[in-house]
C-alpha atoms as a PDB file:
ATOM      1  CA  MET A   1     -12.185  -1.148   6.112  1.00  0.00           C
ATOM      2  CA  GLY A   2      -9.261  -0.497   3.761  1.00  0.00           C
ATOM      3  CA  TYR A   3      -9.027   1.282   0.424  1.00  0.00           C
ATOM      4  CA  LYS A   4     -12.096  -0.384  -0.978  1.00  0.00           C
ATOM      5  CA  GLY A   5     -14.145   0.682   2.067  1.00  0.00           C
ATOM      6  CA  LEU A   6     -12.958   4.213   1.623  1.00  0.00           C
ATOM      7  CA  LYS A   7     -13.899   4.267  -2.078  1.00  0.00           C
ATOM      8  CA  VAL A   8     -17.406   2.865  -1.366  1.00  0.00           C
ATOM      9  CA  LEU A   9     -18.016   5.398   1.365  1.00  0.00           C
ATOM     10  CA  GLU A  10     -16.892   8.280  -0.867  1.00  0.00           C
ATOM     11  CA  TYR A  11     -19.454   7.155  -3.490  1.00  0.00           C
ATOM     12  CA  VAL A  12     -22.283   6.723  -1.057  1.00  0.00           C
ATOM     13  CA  VAL A  13     -21.580  10.050   0.613  1.00  0.00           C
ATOM     14  CA  SER A  14     -21.691  11.757  -2.872  1.00  0.00           C
ATOM     15  CA  TYR A  15     -24.812  10.103  -4.138  1.00  0.00           C
ATOM     16  CA  PHE A  16     -26.756   8.475  -1.310  1.00  0.00           C
ATOM     17  CA  ARG A  17     -25.854  10.652   1.691  1.00  0.00           C
ATOM     18  CA  ALA A  18     -29.355  10.578   3.118  1.00  0.00           C
ATOM     19  CA  TYR A  19     -29.282   6.825   3.502  1.00  0.00           C
ATOM     20  CA  ILE A  20     -26.346   6.767   5.957  1.00  0.00           C
ATOM     21  CA  ALA A  21     -27.257   6.342   9.660  1.00  0.00           C
ATOM     22  CA  PHE A  22     -23.630   5.946  10.845  1.00  0.00           C
ATOM     23  CA  VAL A  23     -20.233   4.584   9.820  1.00  0.00           C
ATOM     24  CA  VAL A  24     -18.164   1.987  11.598  1.00  0.00           C
ATOM     25  CA  ALA A  25     -14.495   1.323  10.846  1.00  0.00           C
ATOM     26  CA  SER A  26     -11.660  -0.682  12.371  1.00  0.00           C
ATOM     27  CA  LYS A  27      -7.888  -0.537  12.460  1.00  0.00           C
ATOM     28  CA  ASP A  28      -5.972  -3.467  11.002  1.00  0.00           C
ATOM     29  CA  ASP A  29      -2.427  -4.145  12.291  1.00  0.00           C
ATOM     30  CA  ASN A  30      -1.789  -6.725   9.521  1.00  0.00           C
ATOM     31  CA  VAL A  31      -1.464  -4.127   6.779  1.00  0.00           C
ATOM     32  CA  GLN A  32       0.792  -1.083   6.301  1.00  0.00           C
ATOM     33  CA  ASN A  33      -2.125   1.259   5.626  1.00  0.00           C
ATOM     34  CA  ASP A  34      -5.606   0.367   6.860  1.00  0.00           C
ATOM     35  CA  TYR A  35      -7.188   3.651   5.716  1.00  0.00           C
ATOM     36  CA  PHE A  36      -8.909   3.966   9.161  1.00  0.00           C
ATOM     37  CA  LEU A  37      -7.910   7.607   9.466  1.00  0.00           C
ATOM     38  CA  GLU A  38      -9.068   8.446   5.963  1.00  0.00           C
ATOM     39  CA  ILE A  39     -12.418   6.778   6.608  1.00  0.00           C
ATOM     40  CA  GLN A  40     -12.793   8.586   9.905  1.00  0.00           C
ATOM     41  CA  LYS A  41     -11.923  12.002   8.322  1.00  0.00           C
ATOM     42  CA  LEU A  42     -14.345  11.506   5.475  1.00  0.00           C
ATOM     43  CA  SER A  43     -17.098  10.692   7.940  1.00  0.00           C
ATOM     44  CA  VAL A  44     -16.446  13.584  10.233  1.00  0.00           C
ATOM     45  CA  ASP A  45     -15.980  16.078   7.390  1.00  0.00           C
ATOM     46  CA  ASN A  46     -19.448  15.097   6.099  1.00  0.00           C
ATOM     47  CA  GLY A  47     -21.142  15.295   9.468  1.00  0.00           C
ATOM     48  CA  LEU A  48     -21.664  11.570   9.788  1.00  0.00           C
ATOM     49  CA  GLU A  49     -21.755   9.662  13.067  1.00  0.00           C
ATOM     50  CA  PHE A  50     -18.540   7.681  13.234  1.00  0.00           C
ATOM     51  CA  TYR A  51     -17.617   4.760  15.443  1.00  0.00           C
ATOM     52  CA  ASP A  52     -14.691   2.445  16.041  1.00  0.00           C
ATOM     53  CA  ARG A  53     -15.625  -1.194  15.809  1.00  0.00           C
ATOM     54  CA  LYS A  54     -15.413  -1.661  19.581  1.00  0.00           C
ATOM     55  CA  GLU A  55     -17.829   1.210  20.188  1.00  0.00           C
ATOM     56  CA  THR A  56     -20.486   0.250  17.675  1.00  0.00           C
ATOM     57  CA  PRO A  57     -24.020   1.105  18.869  1.00  0.00           C
ATOM     58  CA  LYS A  58     -27.033  -1.115  18.375  1.00  0.00           C
ATOM     59  CA  ILE A  59     -27.955  -1.332  14.678  1.00  0.00           C
ATOM     60  CA  GLU A  60     -31.576  -0.395  14.082  1.00  0.00           C
ATOM     61  CA  SER A  61     -31.450   0.382  10.434  1.00  0.00           C
ATOM     62  CA  ASN A  62     -33.336  -1.680   7.860  1.00  0.00           C
ATOM     63  CA  TYR A  63     -30.136  -2.413   6.024  1.00  0.00           C
ATOM     64  CA  SER A  64     -26.408  -2.670   6.903  1.00  0.00           C
ATOM     65  CA  ILE A  65     -23.543  -2.901   4.430  1.00  0.00           C
ATOM     66  CA  ALA A  66     -20.169  -4.522   5.196  1.00  0.00           C
ATOM     67  CA  VAL A  67     -17.209  -3.766   2.967  1.00  0.00           C
ATOM     68  CA  SER A  68     -13.859  -5.494   3.581  1.00  0.00           C
ATOM     69  CA  TRP A  69     -15.140  -6.573   6.973  1.00  0.00           C
ATOM     70  CA  ARG A  70     -13.713  -9.514   8.967  1.00  0.00           C
ATOM     71  CA  TRP A  71     -15.896  -9.873  11.971  1.00  0.00           C
ATOM     72  CA  LEU A  72     -19.357 -11.188  12.713  1.00  0.00           C
ATOM     73  CA  ILE A  73     -21.990  -8.427  12.850  1.00  0.00           C
ATOM     74  CA  ASP A  74     -24.831  -8.790  15.407  1.00  0.00           C
ATOM     75  CA  THR A  75     -27.847  -7.216  13.771  1.00  0.00           C
ATOM     76  CA  GLU A  76     -31.437  -8.001  13.003  1.00  0.00           C
ATOM     77  CA  SER A  77     -31.347  -5.772   9.942  1.00  0.00           C
ATOM     78  CA  LYS A  78     -30.761  -7.204   6.477  1.00  0.00           C
ATOM     79  CA  LEU A  79     -26.964  -7.357   6.081  1.00  0.00           C
ATOM     80  CA  ILE A  80     -25.427  -6.909   2.679  1.00  0.00           C
ATOM     81  CA  VAL A  81     -21.813  -8.116   2.327  1.00  0.00           C
ATOM     82  CA  PHE A  82     -19.310  -7.194  -0.400  1.00  0.00           C
ATOM     83  CA  HIS A  83     -16.855 -10.039  -1.107  1.00  0.00           C
ATOM     84  CA  ASP A  84     -13.643 -10.012  -3.192  1.00  0.00           C
ATOM     85  CA  SER A  85     -14.527 -12.937  -5.516  1.00  0.00           C
ATOM     86  CA  LEU A  86     -17.054 -14.248  -7.895  1.00  0.00           C
ATOM     87  CA  LEU A  87     -18.892 -16.506  -5.470  1.00  0.00           C
ATOM     88  CA  PRO A  88     -19.212 -19.341  -4.849  1.00  0.00           C
ATOM     89  CA  LYS A  89     -15.474 -19.414  -5.790  1.00  0.00           C
ATOM     90  CA  TYR A  90     -13.085 -18.401  -3.003  1.00  0.00           C
ATOM     91  CA  ARG A  91     -15.418 -18.159  -0.070  1.00  0.00           C
ATOM     92  CA  GLY A  92     -13.564 -17.078   3.080  1.00  0.00           C
ATOM     93  CA  PHE A  93     -10.494 -14.966   3.728  1.00  0.00           C
ATOM     94  CA  ASN A  94      -8.211 -12.899   1.474  1.00  0.00           C
ATOM     95  CA  PRO A  95      -9.849 -14.176  -1.744  1.00  0.00           C
ATOM     96  CA  LEU A  96      -8.174 -11.460  -3.889  1.00  0.00           C
ATOM     97  CA  VAL A  97      -4.761 -12.579  -2.684  1.00  0.00           C
ATOM     98  CA  THR A  98      -5.625 -16.172  -3.470  1.00  0.00           C
ATOM     99  CA  ALA A  99      -6.857 -15.277  -6.974  1.00  0.00           C
ATOM    100  CA  LEU A 100      -3.618 -13.427  -7.691  1.00  0.00           C
ATOM    101  CA  ILE A 101      -1.427 -16.267  -6.421  1.00  0.00           C
ATOM    102  CA  ASN A 102      -3.390 -18.635  -8.676  1.00  0.00           C
ATOM    103  CA  GLY A 103      -2.918 -16.370 -11.654  1.00  0.00           C
ATOM    104  CA  ASP A 104      -6.648 -15.826 -12.310  1.00  0.00           C
ATOM    105  CA  ARG A 105      -7.212 -13.664 -15.436  1.00  0.00           C
ATOM    106  CA  VAL A 106     -10.665 -12.504 -14.243  1.00  0.00           C
ATOM    107  CA  LEU A 107     -11.125 -10.875 -10.795  1.00  0.00           C
ATOM    108  CA  GLY A 108     -14.491 -10.028  -9.336  1.00  0.00           C
ATOM    109  CA  VAL A 109     -16.684  -8.865  -6.500  1.00  0.00           C
ATOM    110  CA  THR A 110     -19.966 -10.170  -5.235  1.00  0.00           C
ATOM    111  CA  SER A 111     -22.635  -8.377  -3.186  1.00  0.00           C
ATOM    112  CA  LEU A 112     -24.637 -10.924  -1.245  1.00  0.00           C
ATOM    113  CA  LEU A 113     -26.993 -11.340   1.722  1.00  0.00           C
ATOM    114  CA  ALA A 114     -25.254 -12.459   4.863  1.00  0.00           C
ATOM    115  CA  SER A 115     -26.120 -15.920   6.238  1.00  0.00           C
ATOM    116  CA  THR A 116     -25.310 -18.003   9.283  1.00  0.00           C
ATOM    117  CA  GLU A 117     -22.445 -19.658   7.357  1.00  0.00           C
ATOM    118  CA  TYR A 118     -19.907 -17.266   5.848  1.00  0.00           C
ATOM    119  CA  ASP A 119     -20.237 -16.267   2.238  1.00  0.00           C
ATOM    120  CA  LYS A 120     -23.051 -18.694   1.567  1.00  0.00           C
ATOM    121  CA  GLY A 121     -25.920 -16.224   1.279  1.00  0.00           C
ATOM    122  CA  ASN A 122     -27.976 -15.389  -1.829  1.00  0.00           C
ATOM    123  CA  ILE A 123     -26.154 -13.354  -4.462  1.00  0.00           C
ATOM    124  CA  LEU A 124     -27.559  -9.924  -5.233  1.00  0.00           C
ATOM    125  CA  ALA A 125     -25.136  -8.853  -7.965  1.00  0.00           C
ATOM    126  CA  GLN A 126     -21.571  -9.402  -9.293  1.00  0.00           C
ATOM    127  CA  ALA A 127     -18.999  -7.419 -11.267  1.00  0.00           C
ATOM    128  CA  SER A 128     -15.692  -8.417 -12.762  1.00  0.00           C
ATOM    129  CA  ILE A 129     -12.541  -7.168 -14.536  1.00  0.00           C
ATOM    130  CA  ASN A 130      -9.815  -8.721 -16.680  1.00  0.00           C
ATOM    131  CA  VAL A 131      -6.243  -8.439 -15.525  1.00  0.00           C
ATOM    132  CA  HIS A 132      -2.797  -9.114 -16.981  1.00  0.00           C
ATOM    133  CA  TYR A 133       0.292 -10.290 -15.177  1.00  0.00           C
ATOM    134  CA  PRO A 134       2.591  -9.286 -13.618  1.00  0.00           C
ATOM    135  CA  ILE A 135       0.275  -7.239 -11.329  1.00  0.00           C
ATOM    136  CA  LYS A 136       0.793  -6.184  -7.731  1.00  0.00           C
ATOM    137  CA  ILE A 137      -1.908  -6.449  -5.062  1.00  0.00           C
ATOM    138  CA  SER A 138      -2.023  -2.652  -4.703  1.00  0.00           C
ATOM    139  CA  GLN A 139      -2.752  -2.319  -8.377  1.00  0.00           C
ATOM    140  CA  ALA A 140      -5.394  -5.116  -8.233  1.00  0.00           C
ATOM    141  CA  ILE A 141      -7.128  -3.394  -5.282  1.00  0.00           C
ATOM    142  CA  GLU A 142      -7.361  -0.089  -7.267  1.00  0.00           C
ATOM    143  CA  LYS A 143      -8.715  -1.880 -10.362  1.00  0.00           C
ATOM    144  CA  ILE A 144     -11.240  -3.995  -8.442  1.00  0.00           C
ATOM    145  CA  SER A 145     -12.497  -0.880  -6.547  1.00  0.00           C
ATOM    146  CA  ASP A 146     -14.350  -0.010  -9.852  1.00  0.00           C
ATOM    147  CA  CYS A 147     -16.336  -3.237  -9.288  1.00  0.00           C
ATOM    148  CA  TYR A 148     -17.236  -2.028  -5.786  1.00  0.00           C
ATOM    149  CA  ILE A 149     -18.510   1.268  -7.102  1.00  0.00           C
ATOM    150  CA  GLN A 150     -20.553  -0.555  -9.811  1.00  0.00           C
ATOM    151  CA  LEU A 151     -22.083  -2.853  -7.166  1.00  0.00           C
ATOM    152  CA  ILE A 152     -22.781  -0.263  -4.517  1.00  0.00           C
ATOM    153  CA  HIS A 153     -24.684   1.756  -7.156  1.00  0.00           C
ATOM    154  CA  THR A 154     -26.691  -1.312  -8.125  1.00  0.00           C
ATOM    155  CA  VAL A 155     -27.509  -2.180  -4.514  1.00  0.00           C
ATOM    156  CA  MET A 156     -28.392   1.349  -3.409  1.00  0.00           C
ATOM    157  CA  THR A 157     -30.729   1.907  -6.357  1.00  0.00           C
ATOM    158  CA  ASN A 158     -32.530  -1.447  -5.773  1.00  0.00           C
ATOM    159  CA  LEU A 159     -33.031  -1.474  -2.066  1.00  0.00           C
ATOM    160  CA  GLU A 160     -36.735  -1.043  -2.483  1.00  0.00           C
ATOM    161  CA  ASP A 161     -37.004  -3.802  -5.182  1.00  0.00           C
ATOM    162  CA  ALA A 162     -38.322  -6.842  -3.359  1.00  0.00           C
ATOM    163  CA  ASP A 163     -37.347  -9.289  -6.110  1.00  0.00           C
ATOM    164  CA  PHE A 164     -33.818  -7.942  -6.280  1.00  0.00           C
ATOM    165  CA  MET A 165     -33.390  -8.146  -2.522  1.00  0.00           C
ATOM    166  CA  LEU A 166     -34.240 -11.834  -2.544  1.00  0.00           C
ATOM    167  CA  GLY A 167     -31.071 -12.565  -4.474  1.00  0.00           C
ATOM    168  CA  ASN A 168     -30.153 -15.940  -6.110  1.00  0.00           C
ATOM    169  CA  GLU A 169     -28.935 -19.096  -4.442  1.00  0.00           C
ATOM    170  CA  GLN A 170     -25.320 -20.142  -4.952  1.00  0.00           C
ATOM    171  CA  ASN A 171     -24.320 -23.369  -6.668  1.00  0.00           C
ATOM    172  CA  GLU A 172     -22.751 -25.462  -3.931  1.00  0.00           C
ATOM    173  CA  ARG A 173     -21.095 -27.747  -6.473  1.00  0.00           C
ATOM    174  CA  LEU A 174     -18.937 -24.825  -7.591  1.00  0.00           C
ATOM    175  CA  ALA A 175     -17.885 -23.680  -4.089  1.00  0.00           C
ATOM    176  CA  THR A 176     -14.227 -23.339  -3.166  1.00  0.00           C
ATOM    177  CA  TYR A 177     -12.656 -21.822  -0.018  1.00  0.00           C
ATOM    178  CA  SER A 178      -9.825 -19.437   0.609  1.00  0.00           C
ATOM    179  CA  VAL A 179      -8.403 -20.066   4.125  1.00  0.00           C
ATOM    180  CA  TRP A 180      -7.112 -17.390   6.522  1.00  0.00           C
ATOM    181  CA  ARG A 181      -3.420 -16.562   6.419  1.00  0.00           C
ATOM    182  CA  ASP A 182      -0.882 -15.906   9.158  1.00  0.00           C
ATOM    183  CA  GLU A 183       2.810 -15.086   9.274  1.00  0.00           C
ATOM    184  CA  GLU A 184       3.797 -18.549   8.206  1.00  0.00           C
ATOM    185  CA  ASP A 185       1.806 -18.143   5.005  1.00  0.00           C
ATOM    186  CA  TYR A 186       3.973 -15.127   4.041  1.00  0.00           C
ATOM    187  CA  ARG A 187       7.024 -17.451   3.615  1.00  0.00           C
ATOM    188  CA  VAL A 188       8.330 -17.856   0.042  1.00  0.00           C
ATOM    189  CA  ASP A 189       8.388 -21.460  -1.066  1.00  0.00           C
ATOM    190  CA  TRP A 190      11.514 -21.565  -3.255  1.00  0.00           C
ATOM    191  CA  SER A 191      10.633 -25.123  -4.419  1.00  0.00           C
ATOM    192  CA  GLN A 192       8.062 -23.570  -6.695  1.00  0.00           C
ATOM    193  CA  ASP A 193       8.753 -22.241 -10.217  1.00  0.00           C
ATOM    194  CA  SER A 194       9.977 -18.637 -10.586  1.00  0.00           C
ATOM    195  CA  GLU A 195       6.692 -17.441 -12.215  1.00  0.00           C
ATOM    196  CA  SER A 196       4.583 -18.755  -9.341  1.00  0.00           C
ATOM    197  CA  ILE A 197       6.890 -17.164  -6.761  1.00  0.00           C
ATOM    198  CA  LYS A 198       6.808 -13.802  -8.596  1.00  0.00           C
ATOM    199  CA  ARG A 199       2.957 -13.912  -8.466  1.00  0.00           C
ATOM    200  CA  PHE A 200       3.081 -14.782  -4.711  1.00  0.00           C
ATOM    201  CA  VAL A 201       5.492 -11.889  -3.893  1.00  0.00           C
ATOM    202  CA  ASP A 202       3.311  -9.436  -5.813  1.00  0.00           C
ATOM    203  CA  ALA A 203       0.096 -10.735  -4.203  1.00  0.00           C
ATOM    204  CA  VAL A 204       1.188 -10.272  -0.540  1.00  0.00           C
ATOM    205  CA  GLY A 205       3.012  -6.991  -0.975  1.00  0.00           C
ATOM    206  CA  PHE A 206       1.773  -3.517   0.063  1.00  0.00           C
ATOM    207  CA  PRO A 207      -0.669  -2.881   1.687  1.00  0.00           C
ATOM    208  CA  TYR A 208       0.209  -6.278   3.241  1.00  0.00           C
ATOM    209  CA  LEU A 209       3.441  -6.928   5.148  1.00  0.00           C
ATOM    210  CA  GLY A 210       5.174  -8.611   2.220  1.00  0.00           C
ATOM    211  CA  ALA A 211       6.622 -12.066   1.424  1.00  0.00           C
ATOM    212  CA  SER A 212       9.261 -13.309   3.882  1.00  0.00           C
ATOM    213  CA  ALA A 213      12.308 -15.544   3.889  1.00  0.00           C
ATOM    214  CA  PHE A 214      15.113 -16.515   6.267  1.00  0.00           C
ATOM    215  CA  VAL A 215      18.764 -15.900   5.371  1.00  0.00           C
ATOM    216  CA  ASN A 216      20.836 -18.973   6.253  1.00  0.00           C
ATOM    217  CA  HIS A 217      18.305 -19.886   8.908  1.00  0.00           C
ATOM    218  CA  LYS A 218      18.897 -16.604  10.737  1.00  0.00           C
ATOM    219  CA  ASP A 219      17.816 -13.156   9.640  1.00  0.00           C
ATOM    220  CA  ARG A 220      14.198 -12.739   8.416  1.00  0.00           C
ATOM    221  CA  ILE A 221      13.774 -10.452   5.462  1.00  0.00           C
ATOM    222  CA  ARG A 222      10.757  -9.135   3.517  1.00  0.00           C
ATOM    223  CA  VAL A 223      11.027  -9.813  -0.199  1.00  0.00           C
ATOM    224  CA  LEU A 224       9.101  -6.910  -1.746  1.00  0.00           C
ATOM    225  CA  ASP A 225       9.984  -6.941  -5.423  1.00  0.00           C
ATOM    226  CA  VAL A 226      11.382  -9.603  -7.762  1.00  0.00           C
ATOM    227  CA  GLU A 227      11.743 -10.294 -11.432  1.00  0.00           C
ATOM    228  CA  VAL A 228      12.060 -13.491 -13.437  1.00  0.00           C
ATOM    229  CA  VAL A 229      15.361 -13.895 -15.247  1.00  0.00           C
ATOM    230  CA  ASN A 230      16.566 -16.363 -17.874  1.00  0.00           C
ATOM    231  CA  ASP A 231      17.204 -19.763 -16.473  1.00  0.00           C
ATOM    232  CA  VAL A 232      20.507 -21.665 -16.708  1.00  0.00           C
ATOM    233  CA  TRP A 233      21.309 -25.400 -16.460  1.00  0.00           C
ATOM    234  CA  ILE A 234      22.044 -26.147 -12.828  1.00  0.00           C
ATOM    235  CA  GLU A 235      23.546 -29.472 -11.853  1.00  0.00           C
ATOM    236  CA  ASP A 236      21.840 -31.369  -9.033  1.00  0.00           C
ATOM    237  CA  ARG A 237      19.219 -28.600  -9.075  1.00  0.00           C
ATOM    238  CA  ASN A 238      16.960 -29.992  -6.356  1.00  0.00           C
ATOM    239  CA  ARG A 239      19.754 -29.579  -3.756  1.00  0.00           C
ATOM    240  CA  GLN A 240      20.432 -26.002  -4.829  1.00  0.00           C
ATOM    241  CA  ILE A 241      16.939 -24.521  -4.477  1.00  0.00           C
ATOM    242  CA  GLY A 242      16.992 -21.220  -2.531  1.00  0.00           C
ATOM    243  CA  LYS A 243      20.683 -20.536  -3.123  1.00  0.00           C
ATOM    244  CA  VAL A 244      22.199 -17.381  -4.548  1.00  0.00           C
ATOM    245  CA  ILE A 245      23.742 -18.303  -7.873  1.00  0.00           C
ATOM    246  CA  PHE A 246      24.650 -14.814  -9.229  1.00  0.00           C
ATOM    247  CA  MET A 247      25.031 -11.328  -7.723  1.00  0.00           C
ATOM    248  CA  GLU A 248      24.110  -8.618 -10.225  1.00  0.00           C
ATOM    249  CA  ASP A 249      24.482  -4.960  -9.174  1.00  0.00           C
ATOM    250  CA  LYS A 250      24.113  -6.168  -5.547  1.00  0.00           C
ATOM    251  CA  GLN A 251      20.819  -7.864  -6.483  1.00  0.00           C
ATOM    252  CA  PRO A 252      20.975 -11.586  -5.694  1.00  0.00           C
ATOM    253  CA  VAL A 253      19.653 -14.119  -8.156  1.00  0.00           C
ATOM    254  CA  ILE A 254      17.987 -17.129  -6.500  1.00  0.00           C
ATOM    255  CA  VAL A 255      17.601 -20.703  -7.749  1.00  0.00           C
ATOM    256  CA  CYS A 256      14.035 -21.860  -7.899  1.00  0.00           C
ATOM    257  CA  ALA A 257      12.739 -25.353  -8.638  1.00  0.00           C
ATOM    258  CA  ARG A 258      12.329 -24.138 -12.205  1.00  0.00           C
ATOM    259  CA  GLY A 259      13.641 -20.776 -13.321  1.00  0.00           C
ATOM    260  CA  LEU A 260      15.596 -18.036 -11.535  1.00  0.00           C
ATOM    261  CA  LEU A 261      14.466 -14.949  -9.653  1.00  0.00           C
ATOM    262  CA  ARG A 262      16.334 -11.659  -9.075  1.00  0.00           C
ATOM    263  CA  ILE A 263      15.453  -9.879  -5.822  1.00  0.00           C
ATOM    264  CA  ILE A 264      15.140  -6.208  -6.595  1.00  0.00           C
ATOM    265  CA  LYS A 265      14.040  -4.999  -3.121  1.00  0.00           C
ATOM    266  CA  MET A 266      14.310  -6.578   0.307  1.00  0.00           C
ATOM    267  CA  LEU A 267      14.058  -5.209   3.783  1.00  0.00           C
ATOM    268  CA  ASP A 268      14.867  -6.397   7.317  1.00  0.00           C
ATOM    269  CA  ASP A 269      12.396  -6.434  10.165  1.00  0.00           C
ATOM    270  CA  SER A 270      13.279  -2.805  10.941  1.00  0.00           C
ATOM    271  CA  LYS A 271      12.211  -1.919   7.365  1.00  0.00           C
ATOM    272  CA  ASP A 272      15.773  -0.994   6.485  1.00  0.00           C
ATOM    273  CA  GLU A 273      17.296  -2.117   3.167  1.00  0.00           C
ATOM    274  CA  TYR A 274      18.900  -5.533   3.555  1.00  0.00           C
ATOM    275  CA  VAL A 275      22.179  -6.466   1.769  1.00  0.00           C
ATOM    276  CA  PHE A 276      23.667  -9.905   1.840  1.00  0.00           C
ATOM    277  CA  LYS A 277      26.992  -9.938   3.668  1.00  0.00           C
ATOM    278  CA  GLY A 278      28.480 -12.646   1.503  1.00  0.00           C
ATOM    279  CA  PHE A 279      27.799 -14.745  -1.574  1.00  0.00           C
ATOM    280  CA  ARG A 280      27.132 -18.057   0.033  1.00  0.00           C
ATOM    281  CA  VAL A 281      23.561 -17.498   1.052  1.00  0.00           C
ATOM    282  CA  ARG A 282      20.581 -19.840   1.023  1.00  0.00           C
ATOM    283  CA  LEU A 283      17.083 -18.539   1.551  1.00  0.00           C
ATOM    284  CA  MET A 284      14.653 -20.713   3.483  1.00  0.00           C
END
């Protein structure tokens, strides 16, 4: 699935085409571009059998590889999973988003053997990159795709190496978990500092739906781009959090628990540009 799945498939098609029995992909309504059509076209153009997730035939290959996959896979073959973190840190869902929200300076990918408990299997290989902030999720996905290419090459060239395919056990004492996210988790928490909110907005933007907020308890908006601006002294600040304090070139400046944020781009639920109808606005 997704951009990373497309990049991995492009590499395998170019260098390990003979290994491919068939390709399975799935649509994802939770992102703006799931790359399903691109993965399908790449498969068809290269004469590969292609299936939608709901049509998957019985897997009889010795190995299966799952990239950006969210569902259980019923197979007796050895299943190799690619996961967006340096395990055992960030087991679970949307680990790259969690890492960006936390401001991690090192991002990574792990190839591991699937197990009965998610993301607990033996590690085959890992790759990492250094990043600098601010960085948007779309940029991070592009950068981390290089780790995927590095790992798929390592895995494909070592499939016949028995020692490599045993992998190494994870250190349970270092395990952390990234929990699944729903619409509620897209809401901006204005009681955080402006730097943290900036990282959050950037981490859940395209290809995801984008950070959300409610205007005076009514209209829901998507906050797609923000920038940190110089703070000012605000009296009784705790009661003013989420309020518009300045309007600069039609771009509202919002009071955070610490610091200020200017909203550069925001849309309504119809994906039209949203403009505040007045100055007295509080975002929730």
